[in-house]
Amino acid sequence: MRVVFAGTPEVAVPALDAVAASGHDLVGVVTRPDAPSGRGRRLVASPVAVRAEELGVPVLKPEHPRDPDFQERLRALAPDCCPVVAYGALLPQSALDIPRHGWVNLHFSCLPAWRGAAPVQHALWAGDEITGATTFRIVKELDAGPTFGVMTERIRATDTAGDLLARLAEGGAGLLVRTLDGIADGSLEARPQPDDGVSFAPKILVEDARIDWTRPAVAVDRLVRACTPGPGAWTMLDGERMKIGPVTPADGDLPDALPPGRLEVTKQAVFVGTGTTPVRLGEVKAFGKRQMAAADWARGTRPEPGTGFEDG
């Protein structure tokens, strides 16, 4: 089939590479426009755009896929199907109708669970044991189109959203190509999603990522891992925001309990009280400082006994 790939962030690059290496004819790539980045706010191309240019594939960067000029260029490419991974813009029906086999999205959950922008983060936050990736035909309703295939992945106890998403991106790339193969040879038929088991995964905002130290340790752990690397879990200390990296349960070096948010500093570690048992801090990033191990931060700042994070 002639295919036009749509995607934007780094997580979409494995799928782009897999499609490019497949037996399908990759005739174009659609991605979001160059965006300001860094202190100088210089315009930078998306990871997918950079990789597509390395592959020598034409790149389209519409401000919005409803733009008539973009749709005219897409029609000129005459795609049979448009595989999609984290493109980042809503597709109007006029664009969905262009390829005869539609737009086939790789979504990082086992649909109908966790429809939306942040399925991996919400799966971790909810404490799911299994997640996965699903290919489906895009329709107007959010992530509700009929599905082609699914893969599953066990969530590990120390997974961050970044860790889990990286594995799903690699495994999902193969699933996407197998889906295109099945569509091309007619062996694969999309099936409606069940009505039961629908859940939603809206984007996690910075304000959502504040740690509530009165919550149980397991809930704090899940929140921090779900928000790593972005938007980054955070707390307040002396009126300033501090980002918190993954935490681990206390290993028996402390009393069974500390008041929620209370810091306990030892020679090798920094512990924080929660609503249940204390947790050990991993890395922290104080306001205006670089990210560092919590023990190194404590040696430099020497927090007073009784110091604590705000509960949030």
C-alpha atoms as a PDB file:
ATOM      1  CA  MET A   1       0.000   0.000   0.000  1.00  0.00           C
ATOM      2  CA  ARG A   2       0.928   3.637  -0.435  1.00  0.00           C
ATOM      3  CA  VAL A   3       1.032   5.091   3.091  1.00  0.00           C
ATOM      4  CA  VAL A   4       1.478   8.515   4.626  1.00  0.00           C
ATOM      5  CA  PHE A   5       2.667   8.368   8.246  1.00  0.00           C
ATOM      6  CA  ALA A   6       1.477  10.943  10.803  1.00  0.00           C
ATOM      7  CA  GLY A   7       3.283  11.537  14.089  1.00  0.00           C
ATOM      8  CA  THR A   8       5.245  14.119  16.025  1.00  0.00           C
ATOM      9  CA  PRO A   9       7.215  13.191  19.200  1.00  0.00           C
ATOM     10  CA  GLU A  10      10.146  10.847  19.779  1.00  0.00           C
ATOM     11  CA  VAL A  11       7.800   8.029  20.810  1.00  0.00           C
ATOM     12  CA  ALA A  12       6.487   7.905  17.221  1.00  0.00           C
ATOM     13  CA  VAL A  13       9.922   7.414  15.631  1.00  0.00           C
ATOM     14  CA  PRO A  14      10.136   3.597  16.147  1.00  0.00           C
ATOM     15  CA  ALA A  15       6.840   3.200  14.283  1.00  0.00           C
ATOM     16  CA  LEU A  16       8.015   5.508  11.494  1.00  0.00           C
ATOM     17  CA  ASP A  17      11.176   3.432  11.111  1.00  0.00           C
ATOM     18  CA  ALA A  18       9.173   0.199  11.097  1.00  0.00           C
ATOM     19  CA  VAL A  19       6.788   1.473   8.411  1.00  0.00           C
ATOM     20  CA  ALA A  20       9.719   2.765   6.341  1.00  0.00           C
ATOM     21  CA  ALA A  21      11.396  -0.672   6.536  1.00  0.00           C
ATOM     22  CA  SER A  22       8.206  -2.566   5.696  1.00  0.00           C
ATOM     23  CA  GLY A  23       6.936  -3.657   2.317  1.00  0.00           C
ATOM     24  CA  HIS A  24       4.636  -0.658   2.116  1.00  0.00           C
ATOM     25  CA  ASP A  25       5.458   2.438   0.073  1.00  0.00           C
ATOM     26  CA  LEU A  26       6.027   5.362   2.463  1.00  0.00           C
ATOM     27  CA  VAL A  27       5.243   8.372   0.246  1.00  0.00           C
ATOM     28  CA  GLY A  28       4.978  11.122   2.864  1.00  0.00           C
ATOM     29  CA  VAL A  29       5.008  12.108   6.530  1.00  0.00           C
ATOM     30  CA  VAL A  30       2.653  14.507   8.337  1.00  0.00           C
ATOM     31  CA  THR A  31       3.833  16.164  11.533  1.00  0.00           C
ATOM     32  CA  ARG A  32       3.217  19.241  13.657  1.00  0.00           C
ATOM     33  CA  PRO A  33       4.887  22.532  12.652  1.00  0.00           C
ATOM     34  CA  ASP A  34       8.309  23.460  14.012  1.00  0.00           C
ATOM     35  CA  ALA A  35       7.975  24.722  17.594  1.00  0.00           C
ATOM     36  CA  PRO A  36      10.027  27.064  19.820  1.00  0.00           C
ATOM     37  CA  SER A  37      12.459  25.220  22.077  1.00  0.00           C
ATOM     38  CA  GLY A  38      15.196  26.022  24.599  1.00  0.00           C
ATOM     39  CA  ARG A  39      16.167  29.295  26.183  1.00  0.00           C
ATOM     40  CA  GLY A  40      16.563  31.000  22.844  1.00  0.00           C
ATOM     41  CA  ARG A  41      13.094  29.808  21.749  1.00  0.00           C
ATOM     42  CA  ARG A  42      14.543  28.765  18.405  1.00  0.00           C
ATOM     43  CA  LEU A  43      12.165  26.928  16.090  1.00  0.00           C
ATOM     44  CA  VAL A  44      12.945  23.211  16.126  1.00  0.00           C
ATOM     45  CA  ALA A  45      11.542  20.477  13.906  1.00  0.00           C
ATOM     46  CA  SER A  46       9.727  17.566  15.557  1.00  0.00           C
ATOM     47  CA  PRO A  47      11.623  14.277  16.069  1.00  0.00           C
ATOM     48  CA  VAL A  48       9.421  12.682  13.395  1.00  0.00           C
ATOM     49  CA  ALA A  49      10.222  15.487  10.931  1.00  0.00           C
ATOM     50  CA  VAL A  50      13.942  15.092  11.571  1.00  0.00           C
ATOM     51  CA  ARG A  51      13.816  11.323  11.039  1.00  0.00           C
ATOM     52  CA  ALA A  52      11.653  11.648   7.910  1.00  0.00           C
ATOM     53  CA  GLU A  53      14.153  14.037   6.374  1.00  0.00           C
ATOM     54  CA  GLU A  54      16.942  11.559   7.149  1.00  0.00           C
ATOM     55  CA  LEU A  55      14.891   8.911   5.345  1.00  0.00           C
ATOM     56  CA  GLY A  56      14.377  11.229   2.383  1.00  0.00           C
ATOM     57  CA  VAL A  57      10.579  11.227   2.723  1.00  0.00           C
ATOM     58  CA  PRO A  58       8.523  14.364   1.891  1.00  0.00           C
ATOM     59  CA  VAL A  59       7.303  16.105   5.068  1.00  0.00           C
ATOM     60  CA  LEU A  60       4.036  18.043   5.448  1.00  0.00           C
ATOM     61  CA  LYS A  61       3.669  20.407   8.427  1.00  0.00           C
ATOM     62  CA  PRO A  62       0.174  21.894   8.320  1.00  0.00           C
ATOM     63  CA  GLU A  63      -0.885  24.379  10.982  1.00  0.00           C
ATOM     64  CA  HIS A  64      -4.055  22.291  11.134  1.00  0.00           C
ATOM     65  CA  PRO A  65      -5.108  19.240   9.095  1.00  0.00           C
ATOM     66  CA  ARG A  66      -8.317  21.023   8.060  1.00  0.00           C
ATOM     67  CA  ASP A  67      -6.245  23.415   5.904  1.00  0.00           C
ATOM     68  CA  PRO A  68      -7.388  23.039   2.266  1.00  0.00           C
ATOM     69  CA  ASP A  69      -3.820  23.319   0.943  1.00  0.00           C
ATOM     70  CA  PHE A  70      -2.704  20.441   3.159  1.00  0.00           C
ATOM     71  CA  GLN A  71      -5.616  18.265   2.133  1.00  0.00           C
ATOM     72  CA  GLU A  72      -4.896  18.966  -1.521  1.00  0.00           C
ATOM     73  CA  ARG A  73      -1.260  17.920  -1.059  1.00  0.00           C
ATOM     74  CA  LEU A  74      -2.358  14.788   0.799  1.00  0.00           C
ATOM     75  CA  ARG A  75      -4.732  13.841  -2.012  1.00  0.00           C
ATOM     76  CA  ALA A  76      -1.883  14.311  -4.482  1.00  0.00           C
ATOM     77  CA  LEU A  77       0.142  11.714  -2.555  1.00  0.00           C
ATOM     78  CA  ALA A  78      -2.777   9.293  -3.071  1.00  0.00           C
ATOM     79  CA  PRO A  79      -2.325   7.257   0.146  1.00  0.00           C
ATOM     80  CA  ASP A  80      -4.202   4.003   0.575  1.00  0.00           C
ATOM     81  CA  CYS A  81      -3.842   4.312   4.351  1.00  0.00           C
ATOM     82  CA  CYS A  82      -2.425   6.762   6.894  1.00  0.00           C
ATOM     83  CA  PRO A  83      -0.833   5.142   9.982  1.00  0.00           C
ATOM     84  CA  VAL A  84      -0.778   7.494  12.981  1.00  0.00           C
ATOM     85  CA  VAL A  85       1.237   7.605  16.221  1.00  0.00           C
ATOM     86  CA  ALA A  86       0.868  10.590  18.568  1.00  0.00           C
ATOM     87  CA  TYR A  87       0.287  13.129  15.825  1.00  0.00           C
ATOM     88  CA  GLY A  88      -1.175  15.710  18.201  1.00  0.00           C
ATOM     89  CA  ALA A  89      -4.009  17.320  16.231  1.00  0.00           C
ATOM     90  CA  LEU A  90      -7.654  16.429  15.663  1.00  0.00           C
ATOM     91  CA  LEU A  91      -8.389  15.168  12.179  1.00  0.00           C
ATOM     92  CA  PRO A  92     -11.523  16.520  10.480  1.00  0.00           C
ATOM     93  CA  GLN A  93     -13.769  14.184   8.547  1.00  0.00           C
ATOM     94  CA  SER A  94     -12.646  15.747   5.277  1.00  0.00           C
ATOM     95  CA  ALA A  95      -9.095  14.554   6.000  1.00  0.00           C
ATOM     96  CA  LEU A  96     -10.209  11.170   7.361  1.00  0.00           C
ATOM     97  CA  ASP A  97     -11.995  10.482   4.079  1.00  0.00           C
ATOM     98  CA  ILE A  98      -8.930  10.913   1.855  1.00  0.00           C
ATOM     99  CA  PRO A  99      -7.201   7.481   2.193  1.00  0.00           C
ATOM    100  CA  ARG A 100      -9.460   4.619   1.109  1.00  0.00           C
ATOM    101  CA  HIS A 101      -8.502   2.523   4.142  1.00  0.00           C
ATOM    102  CA  GLY A 102      -8.700   5.475   6.517  1.00  0.00           C
ATOM    103  CA  TRP A 103      -6.276   6.569   9.243  1.00  0.00           C
ATOM    104  CA  VAL A 104      -5.047   3.770  11.495  1.00  0.00           C
ATOM    105  CA  ASN A 105      -3.912   4.888  14.931  1.00  0.00           C
ATOM    106  CA  LEU A 106      -1.507   3.126  17.304  1.00  0.00           C
ATOM    107  CA  HIS A 107      -2.792   3.938  20.789  1.00  0.00           C
ATOM    108  CA  PHE A 108      -0.843   3.020  23.923  1.00  0.00           C
ATOM    109  CA  SER A 109      -3.533   1.209  25.894  1.00  0.00           C
ATOM    110  CA  CYS A 110      -5.763  -1.841  25.583  1.00  0.00           C
ATOM    111  CA  LEU A 111      -8.850  -0.089  24.267  1.00  0.00           C
ATOM    112  CA  PRO A 112     -11.498   0.705  25.351  1.00  0.00           C
ATOM    113  CA  ALA A 113      -9.465   1.391  28.513  1.00  0.00           C
ATOM    114  CA  TRP A 114      -7.736   4.769  28.780  1.00  0.00           C
ATOM    115  CA  ARG A 115      -8.960   6.643  25.742  1.00  0.00           C
ATOM    116  CA  GLY A 116      -7.259  10.025  25.529  1.00  0.00           C
ATOM    117  CA  ALA A 117      -3.951  11.845  25.559  1.00  0.00           C
ATOM    118  CA  ALA A 118      -2.179  10.185  28.517  1.00  0.00           C
ATOM    119  CA  PRO A 119      -3.038   6.461  28.605  1.00  0.00           C
ATOM    120  CA  VAL A 120       0.339   5.280  29.918  1.00  0.00           C
ATOM    121  CA  GLN A 121       0.409   7.817  32.746  1.00  0.00           C
ATOM    122  CA  HIS A 122      -3.126   6.965  33.848  1.00  0.00           C
ATOM    123  CA  ALA A 123      -2.466   3.221  33.743  1.00  0.00           C
ATOM    124  CA  LEU A 124       0.478   3.697  36.112  1.00  0.00           C
ATOM    125  CA  TRP A 125      -1.399   6.111  38.353  1.00  0.00           C
ATOM    126  CA  ALA A 126      -4.317   3.685  38.650  1.00  0.00           C
ATOM    127  CA  GLY A 127      -2.030   0.791  39.564  1.00  0.00           C
ATOM    128  CA  ASP A 128      -2.864  -1.356  36.522  1.00  0.00           C
ATOM    129  CA  GLU A 129      -0.834  -4.555  36.262  1.00  0.00           C
ATOM    130  CA  ILE A 130      -1.235  -4.979  32.497  1.00  0.00           C
ATOM    131  CA  THR A 131      -1.420  -2.429  29.698  1.00  0.00           C
ATOM    132  CA  GLY A 132      -0.592  -2.564  26.002  1.00  0.00           C
ATOM    133  CA  ALA A 133      -1.174  -0.983  22.613  1.00  0.00           C
ATOM    134  CA  THR A 134      -4.061  -1.120  20.165  1.00  0.00           C
ATOM    135  CA  THR A 135      -4.440  -0.307  16.480  1.00  0.00           C
ATOM    136  CA  PHE A 136      -7.789   1.124  15.415  1.00  0.00           C
ATOM    137  CA  ARG A 137      -9.418   3.116  12.630  1.00  0.00           C
ATOM    138  CA  ILE A 138      -9.840   6.752  13.601  1.00  0.00           C
ATOM    139  CA  VAL A 139     -13.393   8.081  13.784  1.00  0.00           C
ATOM    140  CA  LYS A 140     -14.751  11.407  14.986  1.00  0.00           C
ATOM    141  CA  GLU A 141     -15.340  10.181  18.566  1.00  0.00           C
ATOM    142  CA  LEU A 142     -12.192  10.150  20.729  1.00  0.00           C
ATOM    143  CA  ASP A 143     -10.275   6.852  20.374  1.00  0.00           C
ATOM    144  CA  ALA A 144     -13.558   5.018  19.813  1.00  0.00           C
ATOM    145  CA  GLY A 145     -13.008   3.548  16.343  1.00  0.00           C
ATOM    146  CA  PRO A 146     -13.095  -0.163  15.517  1.00  0.00           C
ATOM    147  CA  THR A 147      -9.918  -2.038  16.464  1.00  0.00           C
ATOM    148  CA  PHE A 148      -7.607  -4.175  14.345  1.00  0.00           C
ATOM    149  CA  GLY A 149      -5.075  -5.621  16.795  1.00  0.00           C
ATOM    150  CA  VAL A 150      -3.715  -5.452  20.323  1.00  0.00           C
ATOM    151  CA  MET A 151      -0.518  -6.287  22.193  1.00  0.00           C
ATOM    152  CA  THR A 152      -0.130  -6.513  25.964  1.00  0.00           C
ATOM    153  CA  GLU A 153       2.696  -5.495  28.269  1.00  0.00           C
ATOM    154  CA  ARG A 154       3.148  -6.180  31.982  1.00  0.00           C
ATOM    155  CA  ILE A 155       3.761  -3.068  34.076  1.00  0.00           C
ATOM    156  CA  ARG A 156       6.869  -3.463  36.216  1.00  0.00           C
ATOM    157  CA  ALA A 157       7.047  -2.312  39.821  1.00  0.00           C
ATOM    158  CA  THR A 158       9.601   0.414  39.076  1.00  0.00           C
ATOM    159  CA  ASP A 159       8.298   1.554  35.684  1.00  0.00           C
ATOM    160  CA  THR A 160       8.037   5.267  35.057  1.00  0.00           C
ATOM    161  CA  ALA A 161       5.807   6.566  32.294  1.00  0.00           C
ATOM    162  CA  GLY A 162       8.942   7.088  30.214  1.00  0.00           C
ATOM    163  CA  ASP A 163      10.135   3.494  30.742  1.00  0.00           C
ATOM    164  CA  LEU A 164       6.782   1.952  29.889  1.00  0.00           C
ATOM    165  CA  LEU A 165       6.119   4.201  26.906  1.00  0.00           C
ATOM    166  CA  ALA A 166       9.509   3.320  25.408  1.00  0.00           C
ATOM    167  CA  ARG A 167       8.677  -0.414  25.529  1.00  0.00           C
ATOM    168  CA  LEU A 168       5.211   0.135  24.099  1.00  0.00           C
ATOM    169  CA  ALA A 169       6.621   2.291  21.302  1.00  0.00           C
ATOM    170  CA  GLU A 170       8.962  -0.500  20.221  1.00  0.00           C
ATOM    171  CA  GLY A 171       6.423  -3.296  20.524  1.00  0.00           C
ATOM    172  CA  GLY A 172       3.653  -1.187  19.045  1.00  0.00           C
ATOM    173  CA  ALA A 173       5.720  -0.418  15.953  1.00  0.00           C
ATOM    174  CA  GLY A 174       5.589  -4.090  14.969  1.00  0.00           C
ATOM    175  CA  LEU A 175       1.866  -4.234  15.712  1.00  0.00           C
ATOM    176  CA  LEU A 176       1.262  -1.244  13.432  1.00  0.00           C
ATOM    177  CA  VAL A 177       3.120  -2.840  10.520  1.00  0.00           C
ATOM    178  CA  ARG A 178       1.281  -6.156  11.012  1.00  0.00           C
ATOM    179  CA  THR A 179      -1.974  -4.209  10.957  1.00  0.00           C
ATOM    180  CA  LEU A 180      -1.044  -2.519   7.669  1.00  0.00           C
ATOM    181  CA  ASP A 181      -0.102  -5.922   6.254  1.00  0.00           C
ATOM    182  CA  GLY A 182      -3.476  -7.368   7.230  1.00  0.00           C
ATOM    183  CA  ILE A 183      -5.379  -4.443   5.762  1.00  0.00           C
ATOM    184  CA  ALA A 184      -3.414  -4.720   2.518  1.00  0.00           C
ATOM    185  CA  ASP A 185      -4.030  -8.444   1.994  1.00  0.00           C
ATOM    186  CA  GLY A 186      -7.597  -8.372   3.291  1.00  0.00           C
ATOM    187  CA  SER A 187      -6.959 -10.775   6.171  1.00  0.00           C
ATOM    188  CA  LEU A 188      -7.696  -8.229   8.910  1.00  0.00           C
ATOM    189  CA  GLU A 189     -11.079  -6.717   9.672  1.00  0.00           C
ATOM    190  CA  ALA A 190     -11.748  -3.961  12.197  1.00  0.00           C
ATOM    191  CA  ARG A 191     -14.143  -4.844  15.026  1.00  0.00           C
ATOM    192  CA  PRO A 192     -16.223  -2.420  17.128  1.00  0.00           C
ATOM    193  CA  GLN A 193     -14.952  -1.694  20.620  1.00  0.00           C
ATOM    194  CA  PRO A 194     -17.053  -3.124  23.476  1.00  0.00           C
ATOM    195  CA  ASP A 195     -19.307  -0.752  25.373  1.00  0.00           C
ATOM    196  CA  ASP A 196     -18.042  -2.037  28.733  1.00  0.00           C
ATOM    197  CA  GLY A 197     -14.681  -1.076  30.197  1.00  0.00           C
ATOM    198  CA  VAL A 198     -14.429   2.432  28.750  1.00  0.00           C
ATOM    199  CA  SER A 199     -12.177   4.788  30.723  1.00  0.00           C
ATOM    200  CA  PHE A 200     -10.555   8.078  29.859  1.00  0.00           C
ATOM    201  CA  ALA A 201      -7.015   9.434  30.171  1.00  0.00           C
ATOM    202  CA  PRO A 202      -6.941  13.226  29.835  1.00  0.00           C
ATOM    203  CA  LYS A 203      -3.638  15.064  29.688  1.00  0.00           C
ATOM    204  CA  ILE A 204      -1.987  15.354  33.115  1.00  0.00           C
ATOM    205  CA  LEU A 205      -1.394  19.019  33.911  1.00  0.00           C
ATOM    206  CA  VAL A 206       1.298  20.462  36.158  1.00  0.00           C
ATOM    207  CA  GLU A 207      -1.232  21.175  38.895  1.00  0.00           C
ATOM    208  CA  ASP A 208      -2.328  17.522  38.813  1.00  0.00           C
ATOM    209  CA  ALA A 209       1.232  16.387  39.536  1.00  0.00           C
ATOM    210  CA  ARG A 210       1.541  17.915  43.005  1.00  0.00           C
ATOM    211  CA  ILE A 211       2.255  15.257  45.635  1.00  0.00           C
ATOM    212  CA  ASP A 212      -0.171  14.883  48.528  1.00  0.00           C
ATOM    213  CA  TRP A 213       2.012  13.414  51.268  1.00  0.00           C
ATOM    214  CA  THR A 214      -1.062  12.462  53.346  1.00  0.00           C
ATOM    215  CA  ARG A 215      -1.847   9.790  50.743  1.00  0.00           C
ATOM    216  CA  PRO A 216      -0.560   6.217  51.283  1.00  0.00           C
ATOM    217  CA  ALA A 217       2.998   5.470  50.166  1.00  0.00           C
ATOM    218  CA  VAL A 218       1.752   3.288  47.292  1.00  0.00           C
ATOM    219  CA  ALA A 219      -0.333   6.185  45.945  1.00  0.00           C
ATOM    220  CA  VAL A 220       2.607   8.601  46.196  1.00  0.00           C
ATOM    221  CA  ASP A 221       4.822   6.106  44.366  1.00  0.00           C
ATOM    222  CA  ARG A 222       2.291   5.668  41.555  1.00  0.00           C
ATOM    223  CA  LEU A 223       1.796   9.398  41.106  1.00  0.00           C
ATOM    224  CA  VAL A 224       5.516  10.102  40.934  1.00  0.00           C
ATOM    225  CA  ARG A 225       6.198   7.311  38.438  1.00  0.00           C
ATOM    226  CA  ALA A 226       3.189   8.316  36.319  1.00  0.00           C
ATOM    227  CA  CYS A 227       4.473  11.892  36.101  1.00  0.00           C
ATOM    228  CA  THR A 228       8.083  10.948  35.245  1.00  0.00           C
ATOM    229  CA  PRO A 229       9.501  12.392  33.053  1.00  0.00           C
ATOM    230  CA  GLY A 230       6.619  14.761  32.339  1.00  0.00           C
ATOM    231  CA  PRO A 231       5.094  16.902  33.667  1.00  0.00           C
ATOM    232  CA  GLY A 232       7.187  15.943  36.703  1.00  0.00           C
ATOM    233  CA  ALA A 233       5.827  15.302  40.205  1.00  0.00           C
ATOM    234  CA  TRP A 234       6.465  18.177  42.584  1.00  0.00           C
ATOM    235  CA  THR A 235       6.051  19.451  46.105  1.00  0.00           C
ATOM    236  CA  MET A 236       6.659  22.673  48.028  1.00  0.00           C
ATOM    237  CA  LEU A 237       9.523  23.349  50.433  1.00  0.00           C
ATOM    238  CA  ASP A 238       9.957  26.745  52.104  1.00  0.00           C
ATOM    239  CA  GLY A 239       7.610  28.313  49.586  1.00  0.00           C
ATOM    240  CA  GLU A 240       9.465  27.033  46.515  1.00  0.00           C
ATOM    241  CA  ARG A 241       8.608  24.234  44.140  1.00  0.00           C
ATOM    242  CA  MET A 242      10.768  21.103  44.090  1.00  0.00           C
ATOM    243  CA  LYS A 243      10.484  18.295  41.542  1.00  0.00           C
ATOM    244  CA  ILE A 244      10.630  14.764  42.877  1.00  0.00           C
ATOM    245  CA  GLY A 245      11.964  11.741  40.977  1.00  0.00           C
ATOM    246  CA  PRO A 246      10.830   8.153  41.608  1.00  0.00           C
ATOM    247  CA  VAL A 247      10.596   7.065  45.239  1.00  0.00           C
ATOM    248  CA  THR A 248      11.016   3.669  46.896  1.00  0.00           C
ATOM    249  CA  PRO A 249       9.618   2.252  50.151  1.00  0.00           C
ATOM    250  CA  ALA A 250      11.747   2.739  53.268  1.00  0.00           C
ATOM    251  CA  ASP A 251      14.056  -0.218  53.812  1.00  0.00           C
ATOM    252  CA  GLY A 252      13.786  -0.633  57.560  1.00  0.00           C
ATOM    253  CA  ASP A 253      16.372   1.984  58.572  1.00  0.00           C
ATOM    254  CA  LEU A 254      13.655   4.257  59.984  1.00  0.00           C
ATOM    255  CA  PRO A 255      10.777   4.031  62.426  1.00  0.00           C
ATOM    256  CA  ASP A 256       7.589   2.670  60.918  1.00  0.00           C
ATOM    257  CA  ALA A 257       6.093   6.133  60.522  1.00  0.00           C
ATOM    258  CA  LEU A 258       6.965   9.765  59.934  1.00  0.00           C
ATOM    259  CA  PRO A 259       4.387  12.555  59.825  1.00  0.00           C
ATOM    260  CA  PRO A 260       3.229  13.144  56.245  1.00  0.00           C
ATOM    261  CA  GLY A 261       5.751  15.308  54.396  1.00  0.00           C
ATOM    262  CA  ARG A 262       8.338  15.221  57.222  1.00  0.00           C
ATOM    263  CA  LEU A 263      11.942  14.775  56.031  1.00  0.00           C
ATOM    264  CA  GLU A 264      14.369  12.416  57.741  1.00  0.00           C
ATOM    265  CA  VAL A 265      17.960  12.723  56.514  1.00  0.00           C
ATOM    266  CA  THR A 266      20.572  10.005  57.045  1.00  0.00           C
ATOM    267  CA  LYS A 267      24.145   9.791  55.776  1.00  0.00           C
ATOM    268  CA  GLN A 268      23.088   7.927  52.649  1.00  0.00           C
ATOM    269  CA  ALA A 269      19.438   8.787  52.026  1.00  0.00           C
ATOM    270  CA  VAL A 270      16.499  11.130  52.462  1.00  0.00           C
ATOM    271  CA  PHE A 271      13.155   9.748  53.632  1.00  0.00           C
ATOM    272  CA  VAL A 272       9.740  11.409  53.604  1.00  0.00           C
ATOM    273  CA  GLY A 273       6.667  10.533  55.634  1.00  0.00           C
ATOM    274  CA  THR A 274       3.411   9.639  53.900  1.00  0.00           C
ATOM    275  CA  GLY A 275      -0.044   8.637  55.077  1.00  0.00           C
ATOM    276  CA  THR A 276       1.346   5.146  55.720  1.00  0.00           C
ATOM    277  CA  THR A 277       5.039   4.175  55.610  1.00  0.00           C
ATOM    278  CA  PRO A 278       7.910   6.501  54.665  1.00  0.00           C
ATOM    279  CA  VAL A 279       9.406   6.554  51.181  1.00  0.00           C
ATOM    280  CA  ARG A 280      12.995   7.111  50.117  1.00  0.00           C
ATOM    281  CA  LEU A 281      13.574   9.950  47.661  1.00  0.00           C
ATOM    282  CA  GLY A 282      15.392   9.245  44.403  1.00  0.00           C
ATOM    283  CA  GLU A 283      16.365  12.409  42.537  1.00  0.00           C
ATOM    284  CA  VAL A 284      15.197  15.941  43.272  1.00  0.00           C
ATOM    285  CA  LYS A 285      15.371  19.246  41.447  1.00  0.00           C
ATOM    286  CA  ALA A 286      15.160  22.298  43.661  1.00  0.00           C
ATOM    287  CA  PHE A 287      14.053  25.622  42.206  1.00  0.00           C
ATOM    288  CA  GLY A 288      16.851  27.083  40.077  1.00  0.00           C
ATOM    289  CA  LYS A 289      19.100  24.055  40.612  1.00  0.00           C
ATOM    290  CA  ARG A 290      20.113  21.065  38.529  1.00  0.00           C
ATOM    291  CA  GLN A 291      18.614  17.636  39.117  1.00  0.00           C
ATOM    292  CA  MET A 292      20.603  15.556  41.608  1.00  0.00           C
ATOM    293  CA  ALA A 293      20.402  12.617  43.985  1.00  0.00           C
ATOM    294  CA  ALA A 294      18.372  13.475  47.076  1.00  0.00           C
ATOM    295  CA  ALA A 295      21.281  12.595  49.398  1.00  0.00           C
ATOM    296  CA  ASP A 296      23.560  15.046  47.531  1.00  0.00           C
ATOM    297  CA  TRP A 297      20.912  17.758  47.764  1.00  0.00           C
ATOM    298  CA  ALA A 298      20.546  17.196  51.521  1.00  0.00           C
ATOM    299  CA  ARG A 299      24.313  17.363  52.078  1.00  0.00           C
ATOM    300  CA  GLY A 300      24.391  20.699  50.307  1.00  0.00           C
ATOM    301  CA  THR A 301      21.342  22.299  51.897  1.00  0.00           C
ATOM    302  CA  ARG A 302      21.430  20.632  55.343  1.00  0.00           C
ATOM    303  CA  PRO A 303      17.696  20.862  56.125  1.00  0.00           C
ATOM    304  CA  GLU A 304      16.903  21.558  59.779  1.00  0.00           C
ATOM    305  CA  PRO A 305      15.413  18.757  61.913  1.00  0.00           C
ATOM    306  CA  GLY A 306      11.649  18.790  61.560  1.00  0.00           C
ATOM    307  CA  THR A 307      11.734  20.207  58.035  1.00  0.00           C
ATOM    308  CA  GLY A 308       8.901  18.974  55.890  1.00  0.00           C
ATOM    309  CA  PHE A 309       7.270  19.299  52.509  1.00  0.00           C
ATOM    310  CA  GLU A 310       3.847  20.859  52.342  1.00  0.00           C
ATOM    311  CA  ASP A 311       1.113  18.248  52.136  1.00  0.00           C
ATOM    312  CA  GLY A 312      -0.384  19.597  48.891  1.00  0.00           C
END
